[in-house]
Amino acid sequence: MSVESYIPGKDTISVTQAAQRHFMKQLAGQHARAVRISVKESGCTGYVYVMDLVNEPGSEDMVLELEQGLKIFVDSKALPVIRGTEIDFGLDGVNQVVKFNNPNAKDFCGCGESFSIN
C-alpha cells in the first residue's frame, strides 16, 4: 500500500439511509453510542473491514455525525484504504448484510470477506 494523506472534505466516506437505520437498530439497547469502522490486514487478499460498537472515538478517529444523532467513527489509519467508500445495508441473496462499496478495492477472496487495493 502506498502512503497517502487524508484531506478533510475531499477523502470521505458516505453512509446510506438503509445503513444508518441498521446502525441505529444495532445501537438501540446497547451500552454503546457509536459505530467504529476500521480495517485490518487479514484474509487471503489483504484487508477485512472491522465494525465495533463503541462509546468514544479513538484519539485519531474521524467522526461522522449523521441524522438522528448517529455517530460513525473511522480509524484514521483506514482512510487511505476506504476513502470514497459508500456503506450500505441490504440483501445479499437471502442474508441482510452491511455492504462496503469501496472504489479502491480491486480483488476479493472467494468467500468475499477480504479485499486488496491498488
PDB file of N, CA and C in Angstrom:
ATOM      1  N   MET A   1       0.848  -1.170   0.000  1.00  0.00           N
ATOM      2  CA  MET A   1       0.000   0.000   0.000  1.00  0.00           C
ATOM      3  C   MET A   1       0.890   1.228   0.000  1.00  0.00           C
ATOM      4  N   SER A   2       0.557   2.205  -0.798  1.00  0.00           N
ATOM      5  CA  SER A   2       1.321   3.443  -0.833  1.00  0.00           C
ATOM      6  C   SER A   2       0.870   4.366   0.286  1.00  0.00           C
ATOM      7  N   VAL A   3       1.734   5.279   0.672  1.00  0.00           N
ATOM      8  CA  VAL A   3       1.412   6.249   1.708  1.00  0.00           C
ATOM      9  C   VAL A   3       0.624   7.379   1.082  1.00  0.00           C
ATOM     10  N   GLU A   4      -0.497   7.729   1.704  1.00  0.00           N
ATOM     11  CA  GLU A   4      -1.346   8.795   1.196  1.00  0.00           C
ATOM     12  C   GLU A   4      -1.746   9.693   2.344  1.00  0.00           C
ATOM     13  N   SER A   5      -2.152  10.893   2.015  1.00  0.00           N
ATOM     14  CA  SER A   5      -2.623  11.838   3.019  1.00  0.00           C
ATOM     15  C   SER A   5      -4.134  11.892   3.002  1.00  0.00           C
ATOM     16  N   TYR A   6      -4.712  12.076   4.177  1.00  0.00           N
ATOM     17  CA  TYR A   6      -6.151  12.285   4.284  1.00  0.00           C
ATOM     18  C   TYR A   6      -6.403  13.773   4.222  1.00  0.00           C
ATOM     19  N   ILE A   7      -7.253  14.190   3.301  1.00  0.00           N
ATOM     20  CA  ILE A   7      -7.597  15.598   3.149  1.00  0.00           C
ATOM     21  C   ILE A   7      -9.057  15.759   3.544  1.00  0.00           C
ATOM     22  N   PRO A   8      -9.332  16.366   4.726  1.00  0.00           N
ATOM     23  CA  PRO A   8     -10.723  16.523   5.153  1.00  0.00           C
ATOM     24  C   PRO A   8     -11.551  17.226   4.087  1.00  0.00           C
ATOM     25  N   GLY A   9     -12.773  16.739   3.893  1.00  0.00           N
ATOM     26  CA  GLY A   9     -13.661  17.322   2.898  1.00  0.00           C
ATOM     27  C   GLY A   9     -13.466  16.744   1.514  1.00  0.00           C
ATOM     28  N   LYS A  10     -12.331  16.126   1.257  1.00  0.00           N
ATOM     29  CA  LYS A  10     -12.074  15.533  -0.059  1.00  0.00           C
ATOM     30  C   LYS A  10     -12.195  14.014  -0.004  1.00  0.00           C
ATOM     31  N   ASP A  11     -11.517  13.421   0.951  1.00  0.00           N
ATOM     32  CA  ASP A  11     -11.499  11.964   1.084  1.00  0.00           C
ATOM     33  C   ASP A  11     -12.474  11.559   2.183  1.00  0.00           C
ATOM     34  N   THR A  12     -13.714  11.295   1.795  1.00  0.00           N
ATOM     35  CA  THR A  12     -14.716  10.965   2.797  1.00  0.00           C
ATOM     36  C   THR A  12     -15.385   9.644   2.478  1.00  0.00           C
ATOM     37  N   ILE A  13     -16.130   9.157   3.439  1.00  0.00           N
ATOM     38  CA  ILE A  13     -16.988   8.007   3.201  1.00  0.00           C
ATOM     39  C   ILE A  13     -18.423   8.477   3.359  1.00  0.00           C
ATOM     40  N   SER A  14     -19.354   7.705   2.803  1.00  0.00           N
ATOM     41  CA  SER A  14     -20.768   8.052   2.941  1.00  0.00           C
ATOM     42  C   SER A  14     -21.516   6.839   3.485  1.00  0.00           C
ATOM     43  N   VAL A  15     -22.650   7.119   4.117  1.00  0.00           N
ATOM     44  CA  VAL A  15     -23.463   6.078   4.735  1.00  0.00           C
ATOM     45  C   VAL A  15     -24.890   6.253   4.228  1.00  0.00           C
ATOM     46  N   THR A  16     -25.439   5.224   3.584  1.00  0.00           N
ATOM     47  CA  THR A  16     -26.795   5.320   3.039  1.00  0.00           C
ATOM     48  C   THR A  16     -27.823   5.359   4.168  1.00  0.00           C
ATOM     49  N   GLN A  17     -29.043   5.765   3.815  1.00  0.00           N
ATOM     50  CA  GLN A  17     -30.134   5.784   4.791  1.00  0.00           C
ATOM     51  C   GLN A  17     -30.394   4.383   5.345  1.00  0.00           C
ATOM     52  N   ALA A  18     -30.327   3.373   4.491  1.00  0.00           N
ATOM     53  CA  ALA A  18     -30.552   1.992   4.938  1.00  0.00           C
ATOM     54  C   ALA A  18     -29.504   1.578   5.972  1.00  0.00           C
ATOM     55  N   ALA A  19     -28.252   1.926   5.737  1.00  0.00           N
ATOM     56  CA  ALA A  19     -27.190   1.592   6.692  1.00  0.00           C
ATOM     57  C   ALA A  19     -27.360   2.379   7.987  1.00  0.00           C
ATOM     58  N   GLN A  20     -27.765   3.641   7.876  1.00  0.00           N
ATOM     59  CA  GLN A  20     -27.993   4.435   9.086  1.00  0.00           C
ATOM     60  C   GLN A  20     -29.093   3.811   9.939  1.00  0.00           C
ATOM     61  N   ARG A  21     -30.190   3.388   9.314  1.00  0.00           N
ATOM     62  CA  ARG A  21     -31.275   2.739  10.062  1.00  0.00           C
ATOM     63  C   ARG A  21     -30.782   1.456  10.733  1.00  0.00           C
ATOM     64  N   HIS A  22     -29.994   0.670   9.997  1.00  0.00           N
ATOM     65  CA  HIS A  22     -29.452  -0.572  10.551  1.00  0.00           C
ATOM     66  C   HIS A  22     -28.568  -0.281  11.766  1.00  0.00           C
ATOM     67  N   PHE A  23     -27.672   0.686  11.649  1.00  0.00           N
ATOM     68  CA  PHE A  23     -26.777   1.007  12.764  1.00  0.00           C
ATOM     69  C   PHE A  23     -27.557   1.516  13.974  1.00  0.00           C
ATOM     70  N   MET A  24     -28.590   2.328  13.736  1.00  0.00           N
ATOM     71  CA  MET A  24     -29.407   2.826  14.848  1.00  0.00           C
ATOM     72  C   MET A  24     -30.092   1.659  15.571  1.00  0.00           C
ATOM     73  N   LYS A  25     -30.568   0.678  14.822  1.00  0.00           N
ATOM     74  CA  LYS A  25     -31.188  -0.502  15.445  1.00  0.00           C
ATOM     75  C   LYS A  25     -30.159  -1.291  16.251  1.00  0.00           C
ATOM     76  N   GLN A  26     -28.943  -1.406  15.725  1.00  0.00           N
ATOM     77  CA  GLN A  26     -27.892  -2.137  16.429  1.00  0.00           C
ATOM     78  C   GLN A  26     -27.516  -1.447  17.740  1.00  0.00           C
ATOM     79  N   LEU A  27     -27.520  -0.121  17.728  1.00  0.00           N
ATOM     80  CA  LEU A  27     -27.133   0.637  18.917  1.00  0.00           C
ATOM     81  C   LEU A  27     -28.247   0.703  19.959  1.00  0.00           C
ATOM     82  N   ALA A  28     -29.497   0.563  19.531  1.00  0.00           N
ATOM     83  CA  ALA A  28     -30.631   0.641  20.461  1.00  0.00           C
ATOM     84  C   ALA A  28     -30.504  -0.460  21.518  1.00  0.00           C
ATOM     85  N   GLY A  29     -30.574  -0.064  22.768  1.00  0.00           N
ATOM     86  CA  GLY A  29     -30.497  -1.030  23.856  1.00  0.00           C
ATOM     87  C   GLY A  29     -29.095  -1.502  24.192  1.00  0.00           C
ATOM     88  N   GLN A  30     -28.096  -1.017  23.483  1.00  0.00           N
ATOM     89  CA  GLN A  30     -26.710  -1.381  23.769  1.00  0.00           C
ATOM     90  C   GLN A  30     -26.090  -0.330  24.693  1.00  0.00           C
ATOM     91  N   HIS A  31     -24.949  -0.632  25.235  1.00  0.00           N
ATOM     92  CA  HIS A  31     -24.230   0.335  26.062  1.00  0.00           C
ATOM     93  C   HIS A  31     -23.307   1.203  25.213  1.00  0.00           C
ATOM     94  N   ALA A  32     -23.349   1.040  23.920  1.00  0.00           N
ATOM     95  CA  ALA A  32     -22.500   1.800  23.002  1.00  0.00           C
ATOM     96  C   ALA A  32     -23.285   2.962  22.410  1.00  0.00           C
ATOM     97  N   ARG A  33     -22.549   3.987  21.973  1.00  0.00           N
ATOM     98  CA  ARG A  33     -23.187   5.172  21.403  1.00  0.00           C
ATOM     99  C   ARG A  33     -22.839   5.402  19.944  1.00  0.00           C
ATOM    100  N   ALA A  34     -21.910   4.625  19.389  1.00  0.00           N
ATOM    101  CA  ALA A  34     -21.459   4.878  18.020  1.00  0.00           C
ATOM    102  C   ALA A  34     -20.941   3.588  17.390  1.00  0.00           C
ATOM    103  N   VAL A  35     -20.738   3.658  16.083  1.00  0.00           N
ATOM    104  CA  VAL A  35     -20.143   2.557  15.328  1.00  0.00           C
ATOM    105  C   VAL A  35     -18.749   3.008  14.913  1.00  0.00           C
ATOM    106  N   ARG A  36     -17.754   2.164  15.151  1.00  0.00           N
ATOM    107  CA  ARG A  36     -16.382   2.470  14.736  1.00  0.00           C
ATOM    108  C   ARG A  36     -16.014   1.531  13.597  1.00  0.00           C
ATOM    109  N   ILE A  37     -15.476   2.116  12.533  1.00  0.00           N
ATOM    110  CA  ILE A  37     -15.102   1.348  11.346  1.00  0.00           C
ATOM    111  C   ILE A  37     -13.598   1.439  11.153  1.00  0.00           C
ATOM    112  N   SER A  38     -12.994   0.287  10.920  1.00  0.00           N
ATOM    113  CA  SER A  38     -11.565   0.224  10.646  1.00  0.00           C
ATOM    114  C   SER A  38     -11.326  -0.938   9.685  1.00  0.00           C
ATOM    115  N   VAL A  39     -10.079  -1.126   9.318  1.00  0.00           N
ATOM    116  CA  VAL A  39      -9.685  -2.288   8.527  1.00  0.00           C
ATOM    117  C   VAL A  39      -8.479  -2.918   9.202  1.00  0.00           C
ATOM    118  N   LYS A  40      -8.297  -4.196   8.956  1.00  0.00           N
ATOM    119  CA  LYS A  40      -7.083  -4.848   9.440  1.00  0.00           C
ATOM    120  C   LYS A  40      -6.575  -5.770   8.351  1.00  0.00           C
ATOM    121  N   GLU A  41      -5.268  -5.997   8.377  1.00  0.00           N
ATOM    122  CA  GLU A  41      -4.678  -6.919   7.418  1.00  0.00           C
ATOM    123  C   GLU A  41      -5.067  -8.327   7.828  1.00  0.00           C
ATOM    124  N   SER A  42      -5.724  -9.016   6.913  1.00  0.00           N
ATOM    125  CA  SER A  42      -6.206 -10.359   7.210  1.00  0.00           C
ATOM    126  C   SER A  42      -6.749 -10.988   5.937  1.00  0.00           C
ATOM    127  N   GLY A  43      -7.087 -12.244   6.022  1.00  0.00           N
ATOM    128  CA  GLY A  43      -7.696 -12.922   4.890  1.00  0.00           C
ATOM    129  C   GLY A  43      -6.684 -13.267   3.820  1.00  0.00           C
ATOM    130  N   CYS A  44      -7.186 -13.806   2.739  1.00  0.00           N
ATOM    131  CA  CYS A  44      -6.293 -14.276   1.681  1.00  0.00           C
ATOM    132  C   CYS A  44      -5.933 -13.192   0.671  1.00  0.00           C
ATOM    133  N   THR A  45      -6.609 -12.035   0.705  1.00  0.00           N
ATOM    134  CA  THR A  45      -6.260 -10.998  -0.270  1.00  0.00           C
ATOM    135  C   THR A  45      -5.756  -9.706   0.340  1.00  0.00           C
ATOM    136  N   GLY A  46      -5.774  -9.543   1.653  1.00  0.00           N
ATOM    137  CA  GLY A  46      -5.148  -8.349   2.209  1.00  0.00           C
ATOM    138  C   GLY A  46      -5.838  -7.710   3.393  1.00  0.00           C
ATOM    139  N   TYR A  47      -7.073  -7.223   3.221  1.00  0.00           N
ATOM    140  CA  TYR A  47      -7.750  -6.464   4.272  1.00  0.00           C
ATOM    141  C   TYR A  47      -9.149  -7.008   4.522  1.00  0.00           C
ATOM    142  N   VAL A  48      -9.631  -6.793   5.754  1.00  0.00           N
ATOM    143  CA  VAL A  48     -11.027  -7.038   6.094  1.00  0.00           C
ATOM    144  C   VAL A  48     -11.550  -5.810   6.830  1.00  0.00           C
ATOM    145  N   TYR A  49     -12.836  -5.545   6.667  1.00  0.00           N
ATOM    146  CA  TYR A  49     -13.488  -4.456   7.384  1.00  0.00           C
ATOM    147  C   TYR A  49     -13.790  -4.912   8.804  1.00  0.00           C
ATOM    148  N   VAL A  50     -13.666  -3.978   9.748  1.00  0.00           N
ATOM    149  CA  VAL A  50     -13.973  -4.254  11.145  1.00  0.00           C
ATOM    150  C   VAL A  50     -14.969  -3.207  11.615  1.00  0.00           C
ATOM    151  N   MET A  51     -16.070  -3.659  12.206  1.00  0.00           N
ATOM    152  CA  MET A  51     -17.067  -2.743  12.771  1.00  0.00           C
ATOM    153  C   MET A  51     -17.256  -3.094  14.234  1.00  0.00           C
ATOM    154  N   ASP A  52     -17.181  -2.080  15.090  1.00  0.00           N
ATOM    155  CA  ASP A  52     -17.371  -2.267  16.522  1.00  0.00           C
ATOM    156  C   ASP A  52     -18.361  -1.243  17.037  1.00  0.00           C
ATOM    157  N   LEU A  53     -19.135  -1.619  18.044  1.00  0.00           N
ATOM    158  CA  LEU A  53     -19.998  -0.678  18.742  1.00  0.00           C
ATOM    159  C   LEU A  53     -19.187  -0.134  19.915  1.00  0.00           C
ATOM    160  N   VAL A  54     -19.046   1.188  19.984  1.00  0.00           N
ATOM    161  CA  VAL A  54     -18.170   1.822  20.974  1.00  0.00           C
ATOM    162  C   VAL A  54     -18.853   3.038  21.599  1.00  0.00           C
ATOM    163  N   ASN A  55     -18.236   3.552  22.652  1.00  0.00           N
ATOM    164  CA  ASN A  55     -18.732   4.765  23.297  1.00  0.00           C
ATOM    165  C   ASN A  55     -17.970   6.009  22.878  1.00  0.00           C
ATOM    166  N   GLU A  56     -16.673   5.869  22.689  1.00  0.00           N
ATOM    167  CA  GLU A  56     -15.822   7.021  22.391  1.00  0.00           C
ATOM    168  C   GLU A  56     -14.956   6.731  21.172  1.00  0.00           C
ATOM    169  N   PRO A  57     -14.598   7.786  20.427  1.00  0.00           N
ATOM    170  CA  PRO A  57     -13.696   7.584  19.287  1.00  0.00           C
ATOM    171  C   PRO A  57     -12.270   7.338  19.762  1.00  0.00           C
ATOM    172  N   GLY A  58     -11.476   6.722  18.896  1.00  0.00           N
ATOM    173  CA  GLY A  58     -10.050   6.629  19.143  1.00  0.00           C
ATOM    174  C   GLY A  58      -9.446   8.020  19.039  1.00  0.00           C
ATOM    175  N   SER A  59      -8.248   8.198  19.543  1.00  0.00           N
ATOM    176  CA  SER A  59      -7.637   9.530  19.607  1.00  0.00           C
ATOM    177  C   SER A  59      -7.463  10.187  18.244  1.00  0.00           C
ATOM    178  N   GLU A  60      -7.358   9.406  17.186  1.00  0.00           N
ATOM    179  CA  GLU A  60      -7.162   9.981  15.853  1.00  0.00           C
ATOM    180  C   GLU A  60      -8.285   9.611  14.885  1.00  0.00           C
ATOM    181  N   ASP A  61      -9.433   9.211  15.410  1.00  0.00           N
ATOM    182  CA  ASP A  61     -10.554   8.836  14.550  1.00  0.00           C
ATOM    183  C   ASP A  61     -11.207  10.054  13.913  1.00  0.00           C
ATOM    184  N   MET A  62     -11.681   9.874  12.688  1.00  0.00           N
ATOM    185  CA  MET A  62     -12.530  10.865  12.042  1.00  0.00           C
ATOM    186  C   MET A  62     -13.949  10.586  12.533  1.00  0.00           C
ATOM    187  N   VAL A  63     -14.698  11.644  12.854  1.00  0.00           N
ATOM    188  CA  VAL A  63     -16.052  11.491  13.372  1.00  0.00           C
ATOM    189  C   VAL A  63     -17.051  11.969  12.330  1.00  0.00           C
ATOM    190  N   LEU A  64     -17.982  11.089  11.951  1.00  0.00           N
ATOM    191  CA  LEU A  64     -19.088  11.460  11.071  1.00  0.00           C
ATOM    192  C   LEU A  64     -20.331  11.572  11.937  1.00  0.00           C
ATOM    193  N   GLU A  65     -20.945  12.745  11.962  1.00  0.00           N
ATOM    194  CA  GLU A  65     -22.184  12.926  12.706  1.00  0.00           C
ATOM    195  C   GLU A  65     -23.322  12.939  11.705  1.00  0.00           C
ATOM    196  N   LEU A  66     -24.190  11.944  11.803  1.00  0.00           N
ATOM    197  CA  LEU A  66     -25.256  11.750  10.834  1.00  0.00           C
ATOM    198  C   LEU A  66     -26.604  12.070  11.466  1.00  0.00           C
ATOM    199  N   GLU A  67     -27.660  11.799  10.726  1.00  0.00           N
ATOM    200  CA  GLU A  67     -29.014  12.094  11.185  1.00  0.00           C
ATOM    201  C   GLU A  67     -29.361  11.329  12.453  1.00  0.00           C
ATOM    202  N   GLN A  68     -30.289  11.866  13.214  1.00  0.00           N
ATOM    203  CA  GLN A  68     -30.817  11.252  14.431  1.00  0.00           C
ATOM    204  C   GLN A  68     -29.734  10.960  15.464  1.00  0.00           C
ATOM    205  N   GLY A  69     -28.653  11.731  15.435  1.00  0.00           N
ATOM    206  CA  GLY A  69     -27.602  11.586  16.429  1.00  0.00           C
ATOM    207  C   GLY A  69     -26.652  10.428  16.208  1.00  0.00           C
ATOM    208  N   LEU A  70     -26.771   9.735  15.080  1.00  0.00           N
ATOM    209  CA  LEU A  70     -25.876   8.615  14.797  1.00  0.00           C
ATOM    210  C   LEU A  70     -24.464   9.134  14.560  1.00  0.00           C
ATOM    211  N   LYS A  71     -23.499   8.490  15.220  1.00  0.00           N
ATOM    212  CA  LYS A  71     -22.090   8.829  15.015  1.00  0.00           C
ATOM    213  C   LYS A  71     -21.353   7.608  14.487  1.00  0.00           C
ATOM    214  N   ILE A  72     -20.535   7.852  13.478  1.00  0.00           N
ATOM    215  CA  ILE A  72     -19.660   6.831  12.918  1.00  0.00           C
ATOM    216  C   ILE A  72     -18.236   7.321  13.137  1.00  0.00           C
ATOM    217  N   PHE A  73     -17.420   6.517  13.793  1.00  0.00           N
ATOM    218  CA  PHE A  73     -16.010   6.829  13.980  1.00  0.00           C
ATOM    219  C   PHE A  73     -15.220   6.008  12.967  1.00  0.00           C
ATOM    220  N   VAL A  74     -14.307   6.662  12.263  1.00  0.00           N
ATOM    221  CA  VAL A  74     -13.499   5.976  11.257  1.00  0.00           C
ATOM    222  C   VAL A  74     -12.039   6.069  11.665  1.00  0.00           C
ATOM    223  N   ASP A  75     -11.405   4.928  11.797  1.00  0.00           N
ATOM    224  CA  ASP A  75      -9.988   4.871  12.140  1.00  0.00           C
ATOM    225  C   ASP A  75      -9.195   5.623  11.075  1.00  0.00           C
ATOM    226  N   SER A  76      -8.428   6.620  11.490  1.00  0.00           N
ATOM    227  CA  SER A  76      -7.682   7.433  10.521  1.00  0.00           C
ATOM    228  C   SER A  76      -6.681   6.603   9.724  1.00  0.00           C
ATOM    229  N   LYS A  77      -6.179   5.517  10.305  1.00  0.00           N
ATOM    230  CA  LYS A  77      -5.235   4.660   9.578  1.00  0.00           C
ATOM    231  C   LYS A  77      -5.922   3.911   8.439  1.00  0.00           C
ATOM    232  N   ALA A  78      -7.249   3.771   8.524  1.00  0.00           N
ATOM    233  CA  ALA A  78      -8.000   3.069   7.480  1.00  0.00           C
ATOM    234  C   ALA A  78      -8.370   3.974   6.313  1.00  0.00           C
ATOM    235  N   LEU A  79      -8.277   5.279   6.498  1.00  0.00           N
ATOM    236  CA  LEU A  79      -8.752   6.210   5.469  1.00  0.00           C
ATOM    237  C   LEU A  79      -8.112   6.021   4.096  1.00  0.00           C
ATOM    238  N   PRO A  80      -6.801   5.795   3.990  1.00  0.00           N
ATOM    239  CA  PRO A  80      -6.256   5.581   2.640  1.00  0.00           C
ATOM    240  C   PRO A  80      -6.849   4.359   1.940  1.00  0.00           C
ATOM    241  N   VAL A  81      -7.295   3.378   2.713  1.00  0.00           N
ATOM    242  CA  VAL A  81      -7.854   2.148   2.149  1.00  0.00           C
ATOM    243  C   VAL A  81      -9.330   2.317   1.802  1.00  0.00           C
ATOM    244  N   ILE A  82     -10.073   3.095   2.603  1.00  0.00           N
ATOM    245  CA  ILE A  82     -11.523   3.160   2.413  1.00  0.00           C
ATOM    246  C   ILE A  82     -12.038   4.509   1.921  1.00  0.00           C
ATOM    247  N   ARG A  83     -11.162   5.413   1.551  1.00  0.00           N
ATOM    248  CA  ARG A  83     -11.634   6.722   1.076  1.00  0.00           C
ATOM    249  C   ARG A  83     -12.588   6.532  -0.106  1.00  0.00           C
ATOM    250  N   GLY A  84     -13.652   7.306  -0.119  1.00  0.00           N
ATOM    251  CA  GLY A  84     -14.629   7.220  -1.196  1.00  0.00           C
ATOM    252  C   GLY A  84     -15.643   6.097  -1.048  1.00  0.00           C
ATOM    253  N   THR A  85     -15.561   5.324   0.023  1.00  0.00           N
ATOM    254  CA  THR A  85     -16.445   4.173   0.214  1.00  0.00           C
ATOM    255  C   THR A  85     -17.854   4.601   0.604  1.00  0.00           C
ATOM    256  N   GLU A  86     -18.840   3.931   0.026  1.00  0.00           N
ATOM    257  CA  GLU A  86     -20.227   4.078   0.446  1.00  0.00           C
ATOM    258  C   GLU A  86     -20.581   2.851   1.278  1.00  0.00           C
ATOM    259  N   ILE A  87     -21.085   3.091   2.481  1.00  0.00           N
ATOM    260  CA  ILE A  87     -21.523   1.998   3.344  1.00  0.00           C
ATOM    261  C   ILE A  87     -23.029   1.869   3.180  1.00  0.00           C
ATOM    262  N   ASP A  88     -23.484   0.665   2.844  1.00  0.00           N
ATOM    263  CA  ASP A  88     -24.897   0.414   2.578  1.00  0.00           C
ATOM    264  C   ASP A  88     -25.337  -0.802   3.387  1.00  0.00           C
ATOM    265  N   PHE A  89     -26.623  -1.032   3.432  1.00  0.00           N
ATOM    266  CA  PHE A  89     -27.188  -2.204   4.099  1.00  0.00           C
ATOM    267  C   PHE A  89     -28.298  -2.742   3.216  1.00  0.00           C
ATOM    268  N   GLY A  90     -28.266  -4.041   2.957  1.00  0.00           N
ATOM    269  CA  GLY A  90     -29.295  -4.612   2.103  1.00  0.00           C
ATOM    270  C   GLY A  90     -29.173  -6.114   2.011  1.00  0.00           C
ATOM    271  N   LEU A  91     -29.885  -6.671   1.069  1.00  0.00           N
ATOM    272  CA  LEU A  91     -29.902  -8.114   0.869  1.00  0.00           C
ATOM    273  C   LEU A  91     -28.746  -8.571  -0.006  1.00  0.00           C
ATOM    274  N   ASP A  92     -28.176  -9.708   0.373  1.00  0.00           N
ATOM    275  CA  ASP A  92     -27.193 -10.409  -0.440  1.00  0.00           C
ATOM    276  C   ASP A  92     -27.681 -11.854  -0.470  1.00  0.00           C
ATOM    277  N   GLY A  93     -28.420 -12.186  -1.504  1.00  0.00           N
ATOM    278  CA  GLY A  93     -29.110 -13.475  -1.527  1.00  0.00           C
ATOM    279  C   GLY A  93     -30.259 -13.419  -0.540  1.00  0.00           C
ATOM    280  N   VAL A  94     -30.231 -14.282   0.464  1.00  0.00           N
ATOM    281  CA  VAL A  94     -31.279 -14.269   1.490  1.00  0.00           C
ATOM    282  C   VAL A  94     -30.801 -13.617   2.791  1.00  0.00           C
ATOM    283  N   ASN A  95     -29.563 -13.151   2.817  1.00  0.00           N
ATOM    284  CA  ASN A  95     -28.985 -12.551   4.020  1.00  0.00           C
ATOM    285  C   ASN A  95     -29.005 -11.033   3.959  1.00  0.00           C
ATOM    286  N   GLN A  96     -29.194 -10.402   5.107  1.00  0.00           N
ATOM    287  CA  GLN A  96     -29.051  -8.954   5.207  1.00  0.00           C
ATOM    288  C   GLN A  96     -27.619  -8.671   5.641  1.00  0.00           C
ATOM    289  N   VAL A  97     -26.950  -7.767   4.928  1.00  0.00           N
ATOM    290  CA  VAL A  97     -25.538  -7.506   5.202  1.00  0.00           C
ATOM    291  C   VAL A  97     -25.215  -6.023   5.070  1.00  0.00           C
ATOM    292  N   VAL A  98     -24.174  -5.610   5.807  1.00  0.00           N
ATOM    293  CA  VAL A  98     -23.584  -4.292   5.605  1.00  0.00           C
ATOM    294  C   VAL A  98     -22.654  -4.437   4.411  1.00  0.00           C
ATOM    295  N   LYS A  99     -22.816  -3.561   3.436  1.00  0.00           N
ATOM    296  CA  LYS A  99     -22.016  -3.621   2.211  1.00  0.00           C
ATOM    297  C   LYS A  99     -21.087  -2.417   2.160  1.00  0.00           C
ATOM    298  N   PHE A 100     -19.848  -2.654   1.796  1.00  0.00           N
ATOM    299  CA  PHE A 100     -18.870  -1.590   1.611  1.00  0.00           C
ATOM    300  C   PHE A 100     -18.615  -1.465   0.115  1.00  0.00           C
ATOM    301  N   ASN A 101     -19.143  -0.421  -0.497  1.00  0.00           N
ATOM    302  CA  ASN A 101     -18.922  -0.169  -1.922  1.00  0.00           C
ATOM    303  C   ASN A 101     -17.679   0.702  -2.026  1.00  0.00           C
ATOM    304  N   ASN A 102     -16.531   0.034  -2.075  1.00  0.00           N
ATOM    305  CA  ASN A 102     -15.228   0.685  -1.987  1.00  0.00           C
ATOM    306  C   ASN A 102     -14.601   0.790  -3.375  1.00  0.00           C
ATOM    307  N   PRO A 103     -14.428   2.014  -3.895  1.00  0.00           N
ATOM    308  CA  PRO A 103     -13.837   2.168  -5.226  1.00  0.00           C
ATOM    309  C   PRO A 103     -12.365   1.784  -5.273  1.00  0.00           C
ATOM    310  N   ASN A 104     -11.718   1.637  -4.116  1.00  0.00           N
ATOM    311  CA  ASN A 104     -10.302   1.281  -4.060  1.00  0.00           C
ATOM    312  C   ASN A 104     -10.076  -0.226  -4.055  1.00  0.00           C
ATOM    313  N   ALA A 105     -11.109  -1.005  -3.743  1.00  0.00           N
ATOM    314  CA  ALA A 105     -10.982  -2.461  -3.675  1.00  0.00           C
ATOM    315  C   ALA A 105     -10.890  -3.028  -5.090  1.00  0.00           C
ATOM    316  N   LYS A 106      -9.875  -3.836  -5.320  1.00  0.00           N
ATOM    317  CA  LYS A 106      -9.649  -4.372  -6.666  1.00  0.00           C
ATOM    318  C   LYS A 106      -9.844  -5.875  -6.752  1.00  0.00           C
ATOM    319  N   ASP A 107      -9.390  -6.603  -5.767  1.00  0.00           N
ATOM    320  CA  ASP A 107      -9.506  -8.058  -5.789  1.00  0.00           C
ATOM    321  C   ASP A 107     -10.184  -8.516  -4.509  1.00  0.00           C
ATOM    322  N   PHE A 108     -10.979  -9.571  -4.617  1.00  0.00           N
ATOM    323  CA  PHE A 108     -11.700 -10.111  -3.475  1.00  0.00           C
ATOM    324  C   PHE A 108     -11.416 -11.599  -3.369  1.00  0.00           C
ATOM    325  N   CYS A 109     -11.386 -12.101  -2.141  1.00  0.00           N
ATOM    326  CA  CYS A 109     -11.203 -13.545  -1.983  1.00  0.00           C
ATOM    327  C   CYS A 109     -12.501 -14.250  -2.361  1.00  0.00           C
ATOM    328  N   GLY A 110     -12.440 -15.531  -2.534  1.00  0.00           N
ATOM    329  CA  GLY A 110     -13.603 -16.299  -2.957  1.00  0.00           C
ATOM    330  C   GLY A 110     -14.784 -16.206  -2.013  1.00  0.00           C
ATOM    331  N   CYS A 111     -14.519 -16.085  -0.717  1.00  0.00           N
ATOM    332  CA  CYS A 111     -15.621 -16.013   0.246  1.00  0.00           C
ATOM    333  C   CYS A 111     -16.159 -14.592   0.386  1.00  0.00           C
ATOM    334  N   GLY A 112     -15.463 -13.606  -0.186  1.00  0.00           N
ATOM    335  CA  GLY A 112     -15.931 -12.227  -0.140  1.00  0.00           C
ATOM    336  C   GLY A 112     -15.592 -11.486   1.133  1.00  0.00           C
ATOM    337  N   GLU A 113     -14.840 -12.094   2.031  1.00  0.00           N
ATOM    338  CA  GLU A 113     -14.516 -11.465   3.309  1.00  0.00           C
ATOM    339  C   GLU A 113     -13.357 -10.478   3.220  1.00  0.00           C
ATOM    340  N   SER A 114     -12.378 -10.738   2.378  1.00  0.00           N
ATOM    341  CA  SER A 114     -11.214  -9.854   2.319  1.00  0.00           C
ATOM    342  C   SER A 114     -11.045  -9.277   0.917  1.00  0.00           C
ATOM    343  N   PHE A 115     -10.253  -8.205   0.859  1.00  0.00           N
ATOM    344  CA  PHE A 115     -10.053  -7.491  -0.401  1.00  0.00           C
ATOM    345  C   PHE A 115      -8.656  -6.901  -0.433  1.00  0.00           C
ATOM    346  N   SER A 116      -8.227  -6.534  -1.640  1.00  0.00           N
ATOM    347  CA  SER A 116      -6.955  -5.831  -1.796  1.00  0.00           C
ATOM    348  C   SER A 116      -7.217  -4.521  -2.520  1.00  0.00           C
ATOM    349  N   ILE A 117      -6.243  -3.633  -2.458  1.00  0.00           N
ATOM    350  CA  ILE A 117      -6.339  -2.345  -3.137  1.00  0.00           C
ATOM    351  C   ILE A 117      -5.137  -2.180  -4.045  1.00  0.00           C
ATOM    352  N   ASN A 118      -5.222  -1.173  -4.925  1.00  0.00           N
ATOM    353  CA  ASN A 118      -4.075  -0.865  -5.791  1.00  0.00           C
ATOM    354  C   ASN A 118      -2.946  -0.288  -4.988  1.00  0.00           C
TER     355      ASN A 118
END
